Each structure stands twice: as structure tokens, then as C-alpha cells.
Protein backbone atom coordinates (compact mmCIF):
# COMPACT_ATOMS: atom_id res chain seq x y z
CA MET A 1 0.00 0.00 0.00
CA VAL A 2 1.38 3.40 -0.96
CA VAL A 3 0.63 6.22 1.50
CA ASN A 4 2.06 9.70 1.09
CA ASN A 5 3.83 10.98 4.18
CA PRO A 6 4.80 14.64 4.61
CA VAL A 7 7.91 13.67 6.60
CA LYS A 8 11.10 15.46 5.65
CA ILE A 9 13.95 13.24 4.53
CA ARG A 10 17.47 13.43 5.90
CA ALA A 11 19.45 11.06 3.72
CA ILE A 12 22.88 9.48 3.80
CA ILE A 13 24.08 8.53 0.31
CA THR A 14 27.07 6.38 -0.59
CA GLY A 15 28.63 5.99 -4.01
CA THR A 16 28.03 9.52 -5.28
CA THR A 17 31.29 9.47 -7.24
CA GLY A 18 29.65 6.77 -9.38
CA MET A 19 26.84 7.10 -11.93
CA VAL A 20 23.89 5.83 -9.87
CA GLY A 21 24.89 7.54 -6.65
CA GLU A 22 25.41 10.85 -8.43
CA GLY A 23 21.99 10.57 -10.05
CA VAL A 24 20.26 9.72 -6.76
CA MET A 25 22.01 12.62 -5.03
CA HIS A 26 20.93 14.93 -7.87
CA GLU A 27 17.26 14.01 -7.37
CA CYS A 28 17.55 14.42 -3.61
CA LEU A 29 19.02 17.89 -3.92
CA LEU A 30 16.15 18.90 -6.21
CA HIS A 31 13.34 17.34 -4.18
CA PRO A 32 11.39 19.56 -1.73
CA GLN A 33 10.86 16.76 0.82
CA VAL A 34 14.60 16.14 1.16
CA GLU A 35 15.97 18.67 3.63
CA ALA A 36 19.51 17.34 4.16
CA VAL A 37 21.93 15.07 2.32
CA LEU A 38 25.11 13.59 3.75
CA VAL A 39 27.47 11.89 1.31
CA ILE A 40 30.34 9.67 2.41
CA ASN A 41 33.11 9.49 -0.17
CA ARG A 42 36.70 8.33 -0.36
CA ARG A 43 37.53 11.38 -2.49
CA PRO A 44 35.82 14.77 -2.94
CA GLY A 45 32.78 14.65 -5.20
CA GLY A 46 33.10 18.25 -6.32
CA VAL A 47 29.45 19.19 -5.67
CA THR A 48 28.32 22.05 -3.45
CA HIS A 49 24.73 22.74 -2.41
CA PRO A 50 23.00 24.26 0.65
CA LYS A 51 21.48 20.86 1.54
CA LEU A 52 24.71 18.93 1.07
CA LYS A 53 27.38 17.84 3.55
CA GLU A 54 30.30 15.63 2.55
CA ILE A 55 32.49 13.40 4.70
CA ILE A 56 35.74 12.10 3.23
CA HIS A 57 36.48 8.70 4.76
CA GLN A 58 38.73 6.02 3.34
CA ASP A 59 37.79 2.83 5.21
CA PHE A 60 34.15 1.78 4.91
CA LEU A 61 34.99 -1.33 6.94
CA ASP A 62 35.64 0.88 9.97
CA LEU A 63 33.32 3.86 10.51
CA SER A 64 34.20 4.41 14.16
CA ALA A 65 35.96 7.72 13.45
CA ILE A 66 32.84 9.26 11.91
CA GLU A 67 30.02 7.52 13.82
CA ASP A 68 29.14 10.68 15.72
CA GLN A 69 28.32 12.38 12.40
CA LEU A 70 25.95 9.65 11.19
CA THR A 71 23.04 10.18 13.59
CA GLY A 72 19.78 12.02 12.96
CA TYR A 73 19.08 10.55 9.50
CA ASN A 74 15.98 8.64 8.36
CA ALA A 75 17.18 7.33 4.99
CA CYS A 76 20.23 5.67 3.50
CA PHE A 77 20.52 5.32 -0.26
CA PHE A 78 23.34 2.83 -0.66
CA CYS A 79 24.69 3.17 -4.19
CA LEU A 80 28.28 2.11 -3.60
CA GLY A 81 29.36 -0.92 -5.61
CA VAL A 82 31.98 -2.54 -7.81
CA SER A 83 31.91 -4.63 -10.96
CA SER A 84 32.70 -8.31 -10.54
CA ILE A 85 34.50 -8.44 -13.90
CA GLY A 86 38.00 -9.80 -13.42
CA MET A 87 37.58 -10.03 -9.65
CA LYS A 88 38.04 -13.13 -7.51
CA GLU A 89 35.10 -14.14 -5.34
CA GLU A 90 36.88 -13.45 -2.05
CA GLU A 91 37.60 -9.83 -3.00
CA TYR A 92 34.15 -9.31 -4.47
CA VAL A 93 32.56 -10.61 -1.26
CA LYS A 94 34.66 -8.20 0.79
CA LEU A 95 33.77 -5.16 -1.32
CA THR A 96 30.13 -6.03 -1.94
CA TYR A 97 28.87 -8.02 1.04
CA THR A 98 31.21 -7.33 3.97
CA LEU A 99 31.57 -3.60 3.32
CA THR A 100 27.85 -3.06 2.75
CA LEU A 101 26.81 -5.00 5.85
CA ASN A 102 29.32 -3.11 7.99
CA VAL A 103 27.94 0.26 6.92
CA ALA A 104 24.36 -0.94 7.28
CA GLN A 105 24.90 -2.44 10.74
CA THR A 106 26.42 0.82 11.92
CA LEU A 107 23.58 2.93 10.54
CA SER A 108 20.83 0.62 11.86
CA LYS A 109 22.36 0.93 15.33
CA LEU A 110 22.48 4.73 15.15
CA ASN A 111 19.17 5.49 13.36
CA LYS A 112 16.22 3.33 14.41
CA GLU A 113 13.73 5.03 12.06
CA MET A 114 15.90 4.71 8.95
CA THR A 115 14.80 3.33 5.58
CA LEU A 116 17.62 1.65 3.66
CA CYS A 117 17.56 1.43 -0.14
CA TYR A 118 20.26 -0.80 -1.61
CA ILE A 119 21.26 -0.75 -5.27
CA SER A 120 21.50 -4.38 -6.31
CA GLY A 121 20.90 -5.46 -9.91
CA ALA A 122 18.61 -7.37 -12.25
CA GLY A 123 19.35 -11.08 -12.09
CA THR A 124 20.35 -11.10 -8.43
CA ASP A 125 20.02 -14.59 -6.94
CA SER A 126 17.94 -14.56 -3.75
CA THR A 127 18.56 -18.30 -3.25
CA GLU A 128 22.33 -17.66 -2.99
CA LYS A 129 22.87 -20.99 -4.78
CA GLY A 130 23.07 -20.20 -8.50
CA ARG A 131 26.07 -20.45 -10.82
CA SER A 132 26.67 -16.71 -11.14
CA MET A 133 29.10 -15.54 -8.46
CA TRP A 134 28.05 -11.89 -8.48
CA ALA A 135 24.36 -12.81 -8.34
CA ARG A 136 24.87 -15.09 -5.33
CA VAL A 137 26.84 -12.44 -3.46
CA LYS A 138 24.28 -9.74 -4.23
CA GLY A 139 21.53 -12.12 -3.14
CA LYS A 140 23.18 -12.79 0.20
CA THR A 141 23.75 -9.07 0.66
CA GLU A 142 20.07 -8.33 0.04
CA ASN A 143 18.93 -11.15 2.33
CA ASP A 144 21.13 -10.13 5.24
CA LEU A 145 20.34 -6.43 4.91
CA MET A 146 16.68 -7.28 5.36
CA LYS A 147 17.45 -8.93 8.70
CA LEU A 148 18.80 -5.71 10.20
CA PRO A 149 16.63 -3.54 12.49
CA PHE A 150 15.83 -0.78 10.02
CA LYS A 151 12.34 0.66 9.70
CA GLN A 152 12.27 -0.56 6.08
CA VAL A 153 14.77 -2.16 3.68
CA PHE A 154 14.34 -2.14 -0.10
CA ALA A 155 16.57 -3.81 -2.69
CA PHE A 156 16.52 -2.05 -6.05
CA ARG A 157 17.30 -4.18 -9.10
CA PRO A 158 17.75 -1.93 -12.14
CA ALA A 159 18.93 -3.21 -15.52
CA PHE A 160 19.47 -0.77 -18.42
CA ILE A 161 19.49 2.78 -17.05
CA LYS A 162 19.01 5.99 -18.99
CA ALA A 163 21.48 8.49 -17.57
CA THR A 164 20.49 11.96 -16.42
CA ALA A 165 21.69 14.61 -18.84
CA GLY A 166 24.41 16.91 -17.59
CA LEU A 167 25.83 14.73 -14.83
CA LYS A 168 29.55 13.97 -14.72
CA ARG A 169 29.72 10.31 -13.72
CA THR A 170 27.76 8.69 -16.54
CA GLN A 171 29.43 5.43 -17.60
CA LYS A 172 30.76 5.43 -21.15
CA ILE A 173 28.49 2.62 -22.33
CA TYR A 174 25.42 4.67 -21.38
CA ARG A 175 26.78 7.70 -23.21
CA TYR A 176 27.23 5.65 -26.37
CA ILE A 177 23.93 3.73 -26.39
CA GLY A 178 21.67 6.09 -24.50
CA TRP A 179 20.01 7.12 -27.75
CA LEU A 180 18.56 3.59 -27.93
CA TYR A 181 16.61 4.09 -24.71
CA PRO A 182 13.21 4.87 -26.34
CA PHE A 183 13.48 1.64 -28.34
CA PHE A 184 14.46 -0.43 -25.29
CA ARG A 185 11.65 1.13 -23.25
CA LEU A 186 9.17 0.17 -25.98
CA VAL A 187 10.29 -3.44 -26.54
CA LEU A 188 11.78 -4.22 -23.09
CA PRO A 189 9.74 -2.17 -20.61
CA GLY A 190 10.61 -4.55 -17.79
CA SER A 191 14.33 -3.98 -18.27
CA THR A 192 14.68 -0.22 -18.69
CA CYS A 193 14.29 2.77 -16.41
CA THR A 194 15.81 6.20 -16.01
CA LEU A 195 18.25 7.33 -13.35
CA LYS A 196 15.68 9.95 -12.39
CA GLU A 197 13.12 7.19 -11.76
CA ILE A 198 15.56 5.37 -9.48
CA GLY A 199 16.15 8.52 -7.44
CA LEU A 200 12.45 9.36 -7.18
CA ALA A 201 11.55 5.77 -6.29
CA MET A 202 14.06 5.83 -3.44
CA ILE A 203 12.63 9.10 -2.13
CA HIS A 204 9.08 7.77 -2.42
CA SER A 205 10.03 4.54 -0.65
CA VAL A 206 10.75 6.64 2.44
CA THR A 207 7.67 8.86 2.24
CA ARG A 208 5.13 6.41 0.79
CA GLY A 209 6.46 2.90 1.34
CA TYR A 210 5.94 0.02 -1.07
CA ASP A 211 4.32 -3.40 -0.89
CA LYS A 212 7.46 -5.29 -1.99
CA ASP A 213 10.92 -5.24 -0.50
CA ILE A 214 12.60 -6.28 -3.77
CA LEU A 215 11.96 -3.76 -6.55
CA GLU A 216 12.46 -4.97 -10.08
CA VAL A 217 12.45 -2.44 -12.92
CA ARG A 218 8.65 -2.27 -13.25
CA ASP A 219 8.39 -1.64 -9.52
CA ILE A 220 10.97 1.14 -9.67
CA VAL A 221 9.05 2.86 -12.45
CA ALA A 222 5.72 2.43 -10.65
CA LEU A 223 7.02 3.80 -7.35
CA ALA A 224 8.70 6.74 -9.08
CA LYS A 225 5.35 7.70 -10.63
CA SER A 226 3.30 7.21 -7.46
């Protein structure tokens, strides 16, 4: 059930030096219900805005030095991630599962009314038993995030994403084939969404909720429009 809530959002966003995180941050800075945004980056993101605060922190496996700055937030949009291409499973687990769970455990301890939105991916394996290494690891990450004491946890599983014009972090492949988006949206509506829709869906998940905790592309589009 979707119910609009006038609550103001104070969001922590990770991964804003990547394409999805930058796009989500962009929507948050534009949205009237978002009153504050804290980004945690390993290097400066180069964005300034009255709503925006940035913490530079190198070790996401140890947040103890910045814990006192992570309270008073009701949303986390976790967009930090790495590609599994060329990576051994042990390292991918560390950077995808262990890192994410460490950040999430810290935030769930500090912010009891927080909604967590985690960027996963289409094809993620909730059984944790399939052949695809990345899909198993993402599935375990989703499953264990949902066991933490957040107010709500949502796993977002986008596929092909239309980038937001004018942003700096758009991946090259999306720059080259973005012109095909209208065709993909027509013939593969369940596999295509815009970066704007991802950002709006995350915002709406906090203010309106959703009746599924795993959001495939059609769910992302529906929640963005709600």
C-alpha cells in the first residue's frame, strides 16, 4: 500500500562518485521533501549545495571515526558498488557483502527510524545458490540487509538505465547507447528505467512505502510515478 507521508527526509548517500549515486544525489538535492543530504566518499565529489554535507572517509569497513556524524538521519541510499568483472570471489565478497553489511549495521544501530535502499541489480540470486558468483553475493547481501533492524529495507534491481543529462559520472556505455533508450523502453519495458526514476523511487520509498521489498524495474518505475 502506498501512502504519502509529509515527513522530511534526511538522507545518507554512498557511491556519489559513481553514476547511480550521483543521479540519486541529484534528485535528492532537487526534491522539496529532502531537507539534508550527507554523502560519504573516499575522495571529494566536487558538488556544493546548501542541503549537502560531505564526509571524506577512506575505510568503509571501519566507521568508528565518523560515527558521531551519522546520527539524525531517516534514509540511506546505498549506491556504492563494484563490478565483478576480473575479480576473484573473495575480494568481491569483501567489497560487496562485507563492506555493505558493515555500513548498514552501523547505521541501523544509530538510526532506528531509517529506511535503507540498496542498489543491487537485475538477475540477483535470492537463493544464494546459483552459478553466477556476483548474483549469489548480491543475493546474500540483500537477504542479510533485510534482517537488520531498520524501519524498512528495499533492494533495487535496475537493468538498463538511462542516464540523467548533464551529470559527470555517466558510464561510457550509457553515453554511447543512451540514444537507444526509447526503443528499449518500448520493446523491453521490464528492463529499462531512467536514473531519475531510481532517485524518485528511493525518495518515495521513504515517504510512501511500497508493498514489496525487492523492486524490479517495473516496480521502480511504478514507485517513481506514485
